[in-house]
Amino acid sequence: MARAVLSPQTIDYDGLEATYTAAAADGHQFLNEGTGKDLILHVKNGDASDKTITIVTSKEVEGKYPVSDNAVVVTAGEERFIGGFTKDTYNQDGVDTVVGEKNYVFVNYSATTSVTIALLKTPQ
């Protein structure tokens, strides 16, 4: 199956009442076109067990030493804000069947039970 596409919700001067979506078993991807530093992933873990959220990296040092993925533990019953996402570290080149060839950030979940997420974009 394919990753689910996650769209950013922009925070403005009137504030934002974010809409959350369930974590997808096959992971999520989101387009990272701006600086990448303006995007924040908000993860809520309503389960009784910890969950690991992995932001996949694409960067290599000197073209051969891969940078480790960013694995963030969201403790049971708690929340985490994760970001920003610099393009040279996190963007994955590839073809998405929905929108064509773009640069995306890939997000994986150790488990999805009671995990909800929202992608927030700060104003420029």
Protein backbone atom coordinates (compact mmCIF):
# COMPACT_ATOMS: atom_id res chain seq x y z
CA MET A 1 0.00 0.00 0.00
CA ALA A 2 1.01 3.61 -0.40
CA ARG A 3 1.80 6.19 2.22
CA ALA A 4 -1.02 8.57 3.08
CA VAL A 5 -0.48 12.20 2.07
CA LEU A 6 -0.55 14.68 4.93
CA SER A 7 -1.41 18.31 4.12
CA PRO A 8 -0.17 21.24 6.23
CA GLN A 9 -2.55 23.43 8.20
CA THR A 10 -1.36 27.04 8.35
CA ILE A 11 -1.33 28.88 11.64
CA ASP A 12 -2.39 32.51 11.17
CA TYR A 13 -3.00 35.56 13.33
CA ASP A 14 -6.47 34.31 14.27
CA GLY A 15 -5.00 31.03 15.54
CA LEU A 16 -5.70 27.52 14.35
CA GLU A 17 -8.00 24.81 15.59
CA ALA A 18 -6.05 21.92 14.08
CA THR A 19 -7.69 18.87 12.57
CA TYR A 20 -6.02 15.58 13.51
CA THR A 21 -5.90 12.39 11.47
CA ALA A 22 -5.16 8.84 12.53
CA ALA A 23 -1.63 7.58 11.98
CA ALA A 24 -1.53 5.43 8.84
CA ALA A 25 -0.19 1.88 9.07
CA ASP A 26 1.89 2.42 5.90
CA GLY A 27 3.13 5.80 7.13
CA HIS A 28 2.60 9.33 5.91
CA GLN A 29 4.35 11.65 3.52
CA PHE A 30 4.16 15.39 3.17
CA LEU A 31 5.44 17.84 0.60
CA ASN A 32 8.39 19.89 1.80
CA GLU A 33 8.69 22.83 -0.61
CA GLY A 34 9.49 25.83 1.60
CA THR A 35 12.39 26.14 3.97
CA GLY A 36 11.26 23.00 5.80
CA LYS A 37 11.81 24.83 9.05
CA ASP A 38 8.25 26.19 8.88
CA LEU A 39 6.66 22.73 9.28
CA ILE A 40 5.89 21.08 12.62
CA LEU A 41 4.44 17.60 13.07
CA HIS A 42 2.22 17.38 16.17
CA VAL A 43 1.79 13.80 17.39
CA LYS A 44 -0.69 12.75 20.08
CA ASN A 45 -0.38 9.30 21.66
CA GLY A 46 -3.62 8.37 23.43
CA ASP A 47 -2.49 4.77 24.01
CA ALA A 48 -1.17 3.15 27.20
CA SER A 49 2.14 2.27 25.51
CA ASP A 50 4.94 4.41 24.07
CA LYS A 51 5.16 4.88 20.30
CA THR A 52 8.19 5.68 18.15
CA ILE A 53 7.70 8.13 15.31
CA THR A 54 10.47 7.89 12.72
CA ILE A 55 11.27 10.70 10.32
CA VAL A 56 13.24 9.07 7.51
CA THR A 57 16.47 10.81 6.47
CA SER A 58 18.00 10.83 3.02
CA LYS A 59 21.28 12.59 3.77
CA GLU A 60 24.69 11.02 3.52
CA VAL A 61 27.97 12.46 4.74
CA GLU A 62 30.61 12.48 2.00
CA GLY A 63 28.16 10.58 -0.19
CA LYS A 64 28.54 7.28 1.64
CA TYR A 65 27.79 7.58 5.38
CA PRO A 66 24.02 7.69 5.94
CA VAL A 67 22.62 9.99 8.61
CA SER A 68 20.48 8.03 11.07
CA ASP A 69 16.71 8.43 10.89
CA ASN A 70 15.17 10.72 13.50
CA ALA A 71 13.32 8.38 15.90
CA VAL A 72 11.20 10.26 18.44
CA VAL A 73 9.51 8.42 21.31
CA VAL A 74 6.07 9.73 22.17
CA THR A 75 5.40 8.53 25.69
CA ALA A 76 2.07 6.88 26.53
CA GLY A 77 -0.68 9.45 26.94
CA GLU A 78 1.53 12.37 25.85
CA GLU A 79 2.22 14.57 22.82
CA ARG A 80 5.28 15.75 20.89
CA PHE A 81 5.98 18.52 18.41
CA ILE A 82 8.58 17.44 15.82
CA GLY A 83 10.26 19.68 13.24
CA GLY A 84 11.52 21.55 11.21
CA PHE A 85 12.52 19.44 8.30
CA THR A 86 15.52 20.66 6.33
CA LYS A 87 15.34 19.59 2.71
CA ASP A 88 18.87 18.22 2.39
CA THR A 89 18.34 15.92 5.39
CA TYR A 90 14.72 14.76 5.07
CA ASN A 91 13.42 15.14 1.50
CA GLN A 92 12.93 11.88 -0.37
CA ASP A 93 12.98 12.08 -4.17
CA GLY A 94 10.46 9.92 -5.88
CA VAL A 95 7.18 9.60 -7.67
CA ASP A 96 3.92 9.83 -5.79
CA THR A 97 0.94 8.32 -7.56
CA VAL A 98 -1.30 11.18 -6.47
CA VAL A 99 0.62 14.33 -7.36
CA GLY A 100 3.58 13.27 -9.49
CA GLU A 101 7.28 13.68 -8.85
CA LYS A 102 8.00 15.80 -5.77
CA ASN A 103 10.14 15.97 -2.66
CA TYR A 104 8.47 14.50 0.39
CA VAL A 105 9.27 13.82 4.00
CA PHE A 106 8.42 10.25 5.06
CA VAL A 107 6.99 9.48 8.50
CA ASN A 108 6.76 5.94 9.95
CA TYR A 109 5.10 4.68 13.12
CA SER A 110 6.10 1.78 15.39
CA ALA A 111 2.36 1.25 15.96
CA THR A 112 -0.70 3.33 15.11
CA THR A 113 -3.19 2.48 17.88
CA SER A 114 -4.59 5.73 19.34
CA VAL A 115 -2.03 7.89 17.53
CA THR A 116 -3.27 11.06 15.80
CA ILE A 117 -1.26 13.65 13.93
CA ALA A 118 -1.48 17.11 12.42
CA LEU A 119 1.04 18.88 10.19
CA LEU A 120 1.28 22.55 11.19
CA LYS A 121 2.79 25.33 9.13
CA THR A 122 3.96 28.54 10.78
CA PRO A 123 3.32 31.88 9.07
CA GLN A 124 6.13 33.40 7.01
